[in-house]
């Protein structure tokens, strides 16, 4: 994995506070993109470390969230998140992604 930056919280939308976050790499047709998955009270955000403009970030409003599926082994997991009839796949620590998925479920189904 690529080393992640530490100033990712500066790029959250104004007024959003993180509930939890996990280092993850987004896997897509362009390859692997290092970043952070951040859960806030209103959205799930992927902050792409490779692009500071925010143009390559994912912003998933809780209203548009359709689901998250986790697969993997003891060390590397993949979390597929779908929203508004689209989706992305993120890779990271299975344990951390499992905790992140549980936090999503707790936030959306109190």
C-alpha atoms as a PDB file:
ATOM      1  CA  UNK A   1       0.000   0.000   0.000  1.00  0.00           C
ATOM      2  CA  UNK A   2       1.071   3.574  -0.609  1.00  0.00           C
ATOM      3  CA  UNK A   3       1.900   5.708   2.435  1.00  0.00           C
ATOM      4  CA  UNK A   4      -1.152   7.752   3.384  1.00  0.00           C
ATOM      5  CA  UNK A   5      -1.158  11.432   4.307  1.00  0.00           C
ATOM      6  CA  UNK A   6      -2.275  12.635   7.715  1.00  0.00           C
ATOM      7  CA  UNK A   7      -4.139  15.810   6.690  1.00  0.00           C
ATOM      8  CA  UNK A   8      -7.091  14.001   5.164  1.00  0.00           C
ATOM      9  CA  UNK A   9      -9.555  15.330   7.755  1.00  0.00           C
ATOM     10  CA  UNK A  10      -8.928  18.857   6.454  1.00  0.00           C
ATOM     11  CA  UNK A  11     -10.703  17.777   3.268  1.00  0.00           C
ATOM     12  CA  UNK A  12     -13.988  16.727   4.896  1.00  0.00           C
ATOM     13  CA  UNK A  13     -17.026  18.785   3.866  1.00  0.00           C
ATOM     14  CA  UNK A  14     -17.603  21.758   6.149  1.00  0.00           C
ATOM     15  CA  UNK A  15     -19.390  20.781   9.348  1.00  0.00           C
ATOM     16  CA  UNK A  16     -18.703  17.038   9.001  1.00  0.00           C
ATOM     17  CA  UNK A  17     -16.947  15.335  11.898  1.00  0.00           C
ATOM     18  CA  UNK A  18     -15.481  11.840  11.564  1.00  0.00           C
ATOM     19  CA  UNK A  19     -17.080   9.010  13.529  1.00  0.00           C
ATOM     20  CA  UNK A  20     -14.468   6.503  12.390  1.00  0.00           C
ATOM     21  CA  UNK A  21     -11.977   6.111   9.571  1.00  0.00           C
ATOM     22  CA  UNK A  22      -9.814   3.449   7.999  1.00  0.00           C
ATOM     23  CA  UNK A  23      -6.855   3.478   5.618  1.00  0.00           C
ATOM     24  CA  UNK A  24      -7.933   1.891   2.362  1.00  0.00           C
ATOM     25  CA  UNK A  25      -6.979   1.743  -1.288  1.00  0.00           C
ATOM     26  CA  UNK A  26      -9.678   2.235  -3.912  1.00  0.00           C
ATOM     27  CA  UNK A  27      -9.402  -0.294  -6.720  1.00  0.00           C
ATOM     28  CA  UNK A  28     -10.800   0.752 -10.080  1.00  0.00           C
ATOM     29  CA  UNK A  29     -10.079   0.744 -13.799  1.00  0.00           C
ATOM     30  CA  UNK A  30      -7.268   3.260 -13.263  1.00  0.00           C
ATOM     31  CA  UNK A  31      -5.518   1.057 -10.704  1.00  0.00           C
ATOM     32  CA  UNK A  32      -4.996   1.440  -6.979  1.00  0.00           C
ATOM     33  CA  UNK A  33      -5.569   4.783  -5.246  1.00  0.00           C
ATOM     34  CA  UNK A  34      -4.376   5.247  -1.655  1.00  0.00           C
ATOM     35  CA  UNK A  35      -6.619   7.072   0.748  1.00  0.00           C
ATOM     36  CA  UNK A  36      -8.987   6.999   3.678  1.00  0.00           C
ATOM     37  CA  UNK A  37     -12.576   5.867   4.122  1.00  0.00           C
ATOM     38  CA  UNK A  38     -14.236   8.204   6.609  1.00  0.00           C
ATOM     39  CA  UNK A  39     -17.673   7.745   8.177  1.00  0.00           C
ATOM     40  CA  UNK A  40     -19.418  10.941   9.282  1.00  0.00           C
ATOM     41  CA  UNK A  41     -22.960  11.413  10.607  1.00  0.00           C
ATOM     42  CA  UNK A  42     -24.222  12.179   7.082  1.00  0.00           C
ATOM     43  CA  UNK A  43     -21.942  10.430   4.602  1.00  0.00           C
ATOM     44  CA  UNK A  44     -19.209   7.967   3.792  1.00  0.00           C
ATOM     45  CA  UNK A  45     -16.256   9.672   2.138  1.00  0.00           C
ATOM     46  CA  UNK A  46     -13.214   8.251   0.402  1.00  0.00           C
ATOM     47  CA  UNK A  47     -10.421  10.822   0.467  1.00  0.00           C
ATOM     48  CA  UNK A  48      -7.911  10.115  -2.285  1.00  0.00           C
ATOM     49  CA  UNK A  49      -4.371  10.840  -1.033  1.00  0.00           C
ATOM     50  CA  UNK A  50      -2.994  11.120  -4.556  1.00  0.00           C
ATOM     51  CA  UNK A  51      -5.134  14.105  -5.554  1.00  0.00           C
ATOM     52  CA  UNK A  52      -5.520  17.067  -3.194  1.00  0.00           C
ATOM     53  CA  UNK A  53      -8.274  18.761  -5.185  1.00  0.00           C
ATOM     54  CA  UNK A  54     -10.992  16.399  -3.965  1.00  0.00           C
ATOM     55  CA  UNK A  55     -12.054  15.741  -7.555  1.00  0.00           C
ATOM     56  CA  UNK A  56     -11.215  12.052  -7.163  1.00  0.00           C
ATOM     57  CA  UNK A  57     -12.864  11.574  -3.766  1.00  0.00           C
ATOM     58  CA  UNK A  58     -16.036   9.533  -3.293  1.00  0.00           C
ATOM     59  CA  UNK A  59     -18.875  11.212  -1.392  1.00  0.00           C
ATOM     60  CA  UNK A  60     -21.679   8.830  -0.461  1.00  0.00           C
ATOM     61  CA  UNK A  61     -24.697  10.438   1.183  1.00  0.00           C
ATOM     62  CA  UNK A  62     -26.321   8.067   3.674  1.00  0.00           C
ATOM     63  CA  UNK A  63     -29.649   8.493   1.854  1.00  0.00           C
ATOM     64  CA  UNK A  64     -28.074   7.093  -1.353  1.00  0.00           C
ATOM     65  CA  UNK A  65     -26.231   4.208   0.385  1.00  0.00           C
ATOM     66  CA  UNK A  66     -27.379   0.793  -0.840  1.00  0.00           C
ATOM     67  CA  UNK A  67     -25.030  -1.615   0.929  1.00  0.00           C
ATOM     68  CA  UNK A  68     -21.548  -2.844   1.765  1.00  0.00           C
ATOM     69  CA  UNK A  69     -20.113  -6.341   1.304  1.00  0.00           C
ATOM     70  CA  UNK A  70     -16.872  -7.476   2.903  1.00  0.00           C
ATOM     71  CA  UNK A  71     -14.688 -10.352   1.699  1.00  0.00           C
ATOM     72  CA  UNK A  72     -11.108 -11.315   2.417  1.00  0.00           C
ATOM     73  CA  UNK A  73      -8.744 -13.421   4.456  1.00  0.00           C
ATOM     74  CA  UNK A  74      -6.941 -12.802   7.765  1.00  0.00           C
ATOM     75  CA  UNK A  75      -4.902  -9.893   6.424  1.00  0.00           C
ATOM     76  CA  UNK A  76      -6.316  -8.291   3.266  1.00  0.00           C
ATOM     77  CA  UNK A  77      -9.982  -7.539   2.805  1.00  0.00           C
ATOM     78  CA  UNK A  78     -12.095  -5.872   0.185  1.00  0.00           C
ATOM     79  CA  UNK A  79     -15.128  -3.756   0.979  1.00  0.00           C
ATOM     80  CA  UNK A  80     -17.534  -3.156  -1.894  1.00  0.00           C
ATOM     81  CA  UNK A  81     -19.777  -0.157  -1.216  1.00  0.00           C
ATOM     82  CA  UNK A  82     -22.734   0.580  -3.459  1.00  0.00           C
ATOM     83  CA  UNK A  83     -24.811   3.752  -3.714  1.00  0.00           C
ATOM     84  CA  UNK A  84     -27.164   5.310  -6.247  1.00  0.00           C
ATOM     85  CA  UNK A  85     -26.774   2.302  -8.558  1.00  0.00           C
ATOM     86  CA  UNK A  86     -22.990   2.652  -8.653  1.00  0.00           C
ATOM     87  CA  UNK A  87     -20.213   1.337  -6.470  1.00  0.00           C
ATOM     88  CA  UNK A  88     -16.538   1.150  -5.638  1.00  0.00           C
ATOM     89  CA  UNK A  89     -14.221  -1.468  -4.163  1.00  0.00           C
ATOM     90  CA  UNK A  90     -11.777  -0.634  -1.367  1.00  0.00           C
ATOM     91  CA  UNK A  91      -8.961  -2.803  -0.047  1.00  0.00           C
ATOM     92  CA  UNK A  92      -7.315  -2.731   3.360  1.00  0.00           C
ATOM     93  CA  UNK A  93      -6.954  -4.586   6.640  1.00  0.00           C
ATOM     94  CA  UNK A  94      -9.776  -7.115   6.992  1.00  0.00           C
ATOM     95  CA  UNK A  95     -10.140  -6.379  10.716  1.00  0.00           C
ATOM     96  CA  UNK A  96     -10.276  -2.609  10.194  1.00  0.00           C
ATOM     97  CA  UNK A  97     -12.684  -2.865   7.241  1.00  0.00           C
ATOM     98  CA  UNK A  98     -14.931  -5.176   9.287  1.00  0.00           C
ATOM     99  CA  UNK A  99     -15.040  -2.580  12.091  1.00  0.00           C
ATOM    100  CA  UNK A 100     -15.740   0.183   9.552  1.00  0.00           C
ATOM    101  CA  UNK A 101     -18.619  -1.809   8.022  1.00  0.00           C
ATOM    102  CA  UNK A 102     -20.062  -2.416  11.514  1.00  0.00           C
ATOM    103  CA  UNK A 103     -19.863   1.326  12.217  1.00  0.00           C
ATOM    104  CA  UNK A 104     -21.761   2.046   8.986  1.00  0.00           C
ATOM    105  CA  UNK A 105     -24.474  -0.410  10.008  1.00  0.00           C
ATOM    106  CA  UNK A 106     -24.671   1.105  13.520  1.00  0.00           C
ATOM    107  CA  UNK A 107     -24.930   4.631  12.086  1.00  0.00           C
ATOM    108  CA  UNK A 108     -27.580   3.800   9.507  1.00  0.00           C
ATOM    109  CA  UNK A 109     -29.592   1.340  11.645  1.00  0.00           C
ATOM    110  CA  UNK A 110     -29.476   2.693  15.219  1.00  0.00           C
END
